[in-house]
Amino acid sequence: MTPSPTLEICVDDAAGLAAAIAGGADRIELCSALALGGLTPTPGLMALAAKAPIPVYAMIRPRPGDFVFSPDDVATMETDIDTARSAGLAGVVLGATRPDGSLDIATLEGLTARAAGLGLTLHRAFDLAPDFPAAIDTAIALGFERILTSGGAPRAIDGLDALRAMIAHAAGRIAIMPGSGVAADNARSFLALGATELHASAGRALEIPAGRAADLGYVAPGMKRTDADLVAALKRAMTAA
């Protein structure tokens, strides 16, 4: 019997974590600052997430911006990996590139070695690679379990041709996990390519009340939070497909 596809939901706070679990997520990508593409979560959030009944992988990304990391960035990431392990999380989400967008093999060798014994996801730094097949082979050699990718497009639905080629090249050696704009209304398109895992935020815009917090800039329009109903709808669509 073919196993059901896996739904990974990325969250950046306690409420989002609870909503993802309630909606039926199979795995959590735990972050802070999803509005910035996801940064390393706090130790407190890691400790809370470690109590979840499903696997949790912590994003290891010390700052917003590109993925060309300095020695100090790398040292920070190494300590954050240690924190994720100490918290009892199942894995970490990593990525690093050279200025030309190719994977920074030396940095990733060090980080994956530091993460020995933890599950490994290569994040969307991969989408900067000038040669996707070569980057897939590198990820396999480094021991990653999966690659989170939009097919090199801003939204995964616009990268279907590239995703199809990636899945064919991977040939079951590593999971190619489409992400970026994945939702209930397009899940079937990705599963039809042969994807066995999907990644989504399933976020709904928050209603921002007027008040001093908004006046002082602590909250801003466009903020989102994971919604249990959207998670459940996506899970149903995946199961139906």
Protein backbone atom coordinates (compact mmCIF):
# COMPACT_ATOMS: atom_id res chain seq x y z
CA MET A 1 0.00 0.00 0.00
CA THR A 2 1.38 3.42 -0.96
CA PRO A 3 1.98 5.59 2.13
CA SER A 4 0.04 8.83 2.43
CA PRO A 5 1.94 11.96 1.41
CA THR A 6 3.55 13.91 4.23
CA LEU A 7 2.41 17.43 5.08
CA GLU A 8 4.99 19.73 6.67
CA ILE A 9 3.75 23.02 8.10
CA CYS A 10 6.10 25.88 8.94
CA VAL A 11 5.22 27.89 12.05
CA ASP A 12 6.86 30.68 14.00
CA ASP A 13 4.98 30.88 17.29
CA ALA A 14 3.18 28.80 19.89
CA ALA A 15 -0.28 29.47 18.45
CA GLY A 16 0.84 28.42 14.98
CA LEU A 17 2.37 25.25 16.40
CA ALA A 18 -0.90 24.32 18.09
CA ALA A 19 -2.91 25.10 14.94
CA ALA A 20 -0.65 22.98 12.73
CA ILE A 21 -0.99 20.00 15.05
CA ALA A 22 -4.76 20.44 15.37
CA GLY A 23 -5.11 20.63 11.59
CA GLY A 24 -3.33 17.33 11.03
CA ALA A 25 0.22 18.26 10.04
CA ASP A 26 2.64 15.35 9.86
CA ARG A 27 5.77 17.36 10.59
CA ILE A 28 6.65 20.89 11.73
CA GLU A 29 9.31 23.24 10.42
CA LEU A 30 9.89 25.50 13.42
CA CYS A 31 11.07 29.06 12.75
CA SER A 32 10.97 32.58 13.99
CA ALA A 33 10.12 35.51 11.72
CA LEU A 34 8.38 33.75 8.85
CA ALA A 35 7.78 37.18 7.32
CA LEU A 36 11.55 37.24 6.71
CA GLY A 37 11.59 33.77 5.21
CA GLY A 38 12.15 32.02 8.51
CA LEU A 39 14.96 32.40 11.03
CA THR A 40 16.21 30.22 13.89
CA PRO A 41 13.53 29.79 16.58
CA THR A 42 14.20 30.75 20.18
CA PRO A 43 15.31 28.10 22.69
CA GLY A 44 12.00 28.56 24.49
CA LEU A 45 9.98 27.81 21.37
CA MET A 46 12.18 24.81 20.64
CA ALA A 47 11.53 23.46 24.14
CA LEU A 48 7.78 23.90 23.70
CA ALA A 49 7.80 22.28 20.27
CA ALA A 50 9.74 19.29 21.57
CA LYS A 51 6.54 18.28 23.39
CA ALA A 52 4.64 17.99 20.09
CA PRO A 53 3.31 14.56 19.08
CA ILE A 54 4.85 14.88 15.59
CA PRO A 55 8.45 15.43 14.45
CA VAL A 56 9.76 18.99 14.62
CA TYR A 57 12.69 20.32 12.58
CA ALA A 58 14.23 23.64 13.58
CA MET A 59 15.25 26.19 10.97
CA ILE A 60 18.92 27.07 11.42
CA ARG A 61 19.31 30.49 9.81
CA PRO A 62 20.95 33.19 11.93
CA ARG A 63 19.92 36.27 9.97
CA PRO A 64 17.74 37.45 7.09
CA GLY A 65 19.19 38.02 3.64
CA ASP A 66 21.33 35.74 1.53
CA PHE A 67 22.89 32.41 2.46
CA VAL A 68 26.56 33.36 2.10
CA PHE A 69 27.61 32.97 5.70
CA SER A 70 30.61 34.40 7.52
CA PRO A 71 32.64 32.38 10.05
CA ASP A 72 30.71 34.10 12.85
CA ASP A 73 27.41 33.14 11.18
CA VAL A 74 28.56 29.55 10.96
CA ALA A 75 29.63 29.51 14.61
CA THR A 76 26.18 30.79 15.55
CA MET A 77 24.53 28.07 13.45
CA GLU A 78 26.64 25.37 15.08
CA THR A 79 25.51 26.46 18.53
CA ASP A 80 21.90 26.64 17.35
CA ILE A 81 22.15 23.06 16.08
CA ASP A 82 23.38 22.03 19.53
CA THR A 83 20.38 23.83 21.06
CA ALA A 84 17.95 22.00 18.78
CA ARG A 85 19.50 18.68 19.76
CA SER A 86 19.43 19.52 23.47
CA ALA A 87 15.77 20.51 23.19
CA GLY A 88 14.97 17.06 21.81
CA LEU A 89 13.89 18.09 18.31
CA ALA A 90 13.93 15.55 15.50
CA GLY A 91 16.00 17.51 13.00
CA VAL A 92 17.26 20.76 11.56
CA VAL A 93 16.78 22.71 8.34
CA LEU A 94 20.00 24.01 6.78
CA GLY A 95 21.35 25.75 3.71
CA ALA A 96 24.43 27.73 2.65
CA THR A 97 25.62 28.97 -0.72
CA ARG A 98 28.63 30.51 -2.37
CA PRO A 99 28.28 33.95 -3.99
CA ASP A 100 27.40 32.32 -7.35
CA GLY A 101 24.44 30.50 -5.75
CA SER A 102 26.04 27.05 -5.77
CA LEU A 103 25.90 25.09 -2.54
CA ASP A 104 28.74 25.88 -0.14
CA ILE A 105 29.92 22.32 0.29
CA ALA A 106 32.61 23.07 2.89
CA THR A 107 30.20 24.97 5.15
CA LEU A 108 27.47 22.37 4.73
CA GLU A 109 29.90 19.54 5.48
CA GLY A 110 30.69 21.19 8.79
CA LEU A 111 27.07 21.91 9.67
CA THR A 112 25.80 18.45 8.75
CA ALA A 113 28.61 16.88 10.77
CA ARG A 114 27.58 19.04 13.74
CA ALA A 115 24.01 17.79 13.24
CA ALA A 116 24.98 14.10 13.23
CA GLY A 117 22.08 11.99 14.44
CA LEU A 118 19.45 14.62 13.57
CA GLY A 119 17.22 14.63 10.53
CA LEU A 120 18.31 17.02 7.77
CA THR A 121 16.33 19.19 5.36
CA LEU A 122 18.06 21.40 2.79
CA HIS A 123 16.04 24.62 2.60
CA ARG A 124 15.29 26.92 -0.32
CA ALA A 125 18.84 28.21 -0.57
CA PHE A 126 18.84 25.30 -3.01
CA ASP A 127 16.71 27.37 -5.40
CA LEU A 128 19.67 29.67 -6.05
CA ALA A 129 21.75 26.83 -7.48
CA PRO A 130 22.80 27.32 -11.12
CA ASP A 131 22.72 23.54 -11.71
CA PHE A 132 19.85 21.74 -9.99
CA PRO A 133 20.91 18.16 -10.80
CA ALA A 134 24.42 18.80 -9.45
CA ALA A 135 22.94 20.40 -6.31
CA ILE A 136 20.66 17.40 -5.78
CA ASP A 137 23.64 15.05 -6.01
CA THR A 138 25.54 17.23 -3.53
CA ALA A 139 22.62 17.18 -1.09
CA ILE A 140 22.47 13.39 -1.30
CA ALA A 141 26.20 13.10 -0.67
CA LEU A 142 25.88 15.36 2.38
CA GLY A 143 23.19 13.15 3.90
CA PHE A 144 20.11 15.35 3.53
CA GLU A 145 16.76 13.54 3.66
CA ARG A 146 14.86 16.07 1.58
CA ILE A 147 15.14 19.32 -0.37
CA LEU A 148 12.58 22.09 0.13
CA THR A 149 12.23 23.85 -3.21
CA SER A 150 9.88 25.95 -5.29
CA GLY A 151 11.54 24.76 -8.48
CA GLY A 152 13.51 28.00 -8.59
CA ALA A 153 10.36 30.11 -8.98
CA PRO A 154 8.81 32.58 -6.53
CA ARG A 155 5.83 30.21 -6.20
CA ALA A 156 6.09 26.46 -6.55
CA ILE A 157 3.10 26.29 -8.90
CA ASP A 158 5.19 28.30 -11.40
CA GLY A 159 8.08 25.85 -11.07
CA LEU A 160 6.26 22.65 -12.02
CA ASP A 161 8.51 21.80 -14.96
CA ALA A 162 11.64 22.21 -12.87
CA LEU A 163 10.11 20.24 -10.00
CA ARG A 164 9.23 17.41 -12.38
CA ALA A 165 12.83 17.27 -13.59
CA MET A 166 14.16 17.37 -10.02
CA ILE A 167 11.96 14.49 -8.91
CA ALA A 168 13.04 12.48 -11.94
CA HIS A 169 16.71 13.16 -11.25
CA ALA A 170 16.37 12.38 -7.54
CA ALA A 171 14.85 9.00 -8.49
CA GLY A 172 13.87 8.22 -4.92
CA ARG A 173 17.35 8.90 -3.51
CA ILE A 174 16.13 12.03 -1.71
CA ALA A 175 12.69 13.59 -1.28
CA ILE A 176 11.93 16.69 -3.35
CA MET A 177 9.44 18.68 -1.23
CA PRO A 178 7.60 21.47 -3.08
CA GLY A 179 6.99 24.60 -1.03
CA SER A 180 5.99 28.26 -1.48
CA GLY A 181 2.34 28.91 -2.15
CA VAL A 182 1.29 25.30 -1.68
CA ALA A 183 -2.39 25.08 -0.68
CA ALA A 184 -5.45 22.86 -0.92
CA ASP A 185 -6.36 24.13 -4.37
CA ASN A 186 -3.04 23.19 -5.98
CA ALA A 187 -1.78 20.24 -3.92
CA ARG A 188 -2.83 17.73 -6.56
CA SER A 189 -0.53 19.39 -9.14
CA PHE A 190 2.54 18.63 -7.02
CA LEU A 191 1.51 15.12 -6.05
CA ALA A 192 0.91 14.33 -9.71
CA LEU A 193 4.62 14.95 -10.32
CA GLY A 194 5.51 12.22 -7.86
CA ALA A 195 6.16 14.42 -4.83
CA THR A 196 5.62 12.54 -1.57
CA GLU A 197 5.98 15.53 0.77
CA LEU A 198 4.53 19.05 0.64
CA HIS A 199 5.45 22.14 2.64
CA ALA A 200 3.14 25.03 3.45
CA SER A 201 2.52 27.78 5.98
CA ALA A 202 -1.30 27.54 5.76
CA GLY A 203 -1.42 31.07 7.12
CA ARG A 204 -4.40 33.36 7.39
CA ALA A 205 -4.04 37.14 7.68
CA LEU A 206 -4.45 38.42 11.22
CA GLU A 207 -6.89 41.16 11.97
CA ILE A 208 -4.75 43.90 13.49
CA PRO A 209 -6.67 45.91 16.07
CA ALA A 210 -6.05 49.62 16.34
CA GLY A 211 -4.18 50.73 19.41
CA ARG A 212 -0.86 51.74 20.84
CA ALA A 213 0.89 48.54 19.74
CA ALA A 214 -0.01 49.28 16.12
CA ASP A 215 0.74 52.99 16.48
CA LEU A 216 4.25 52.23 17.71
CA GLY A 217 4.93 49.76 14.93
CA TYR A 218 4.97 46.57 17.00
CA VAL A 219 2.34 45.00 14.76
CA ALA A 220 1.97 45.57 11.06
CA PRO A 221 -0.53 44.91 8.27
CA GLY A 222 -0.12 41.62 6.47
CA MET A 223 0.82 39.55 9.51
CA LYS A 224 -0.29 35.92 9.22
CA ARG A 225 -0.66 32.94 11.51
CA THR A 226 -1.10 29.26 10.76
CA ASP A 227 -4.77 28.35 10.60
CA ALA A 228 -5.94 24.89 11.64
CA ASP A 229 -8.77 24.89 9.09
CA LEU A 230 -6.38 25.67 6.23
CA VAL A 231 -4.02 22.92 7.40
CA ALA A 232 -6.92 20.45 7.56
CA ALA A 233 -8.14 21.45 4.09
CA LEU A 234 -4.69 20.91 2.63
CA LYS A 235 -4.36 17.56 4.36
CA ARG A 236 -7.74 16.46 2.97
CA ALA A 237 -6.73 17.53 -0.52
CA MET A 238 -3.51 15.53 -0.26
CA THR A 239 -5.34 12.46 0.95
CA ALA A 240 -7.95 12.73 -1.81
CA ALA A 241 -5.28 13.06 -4.47
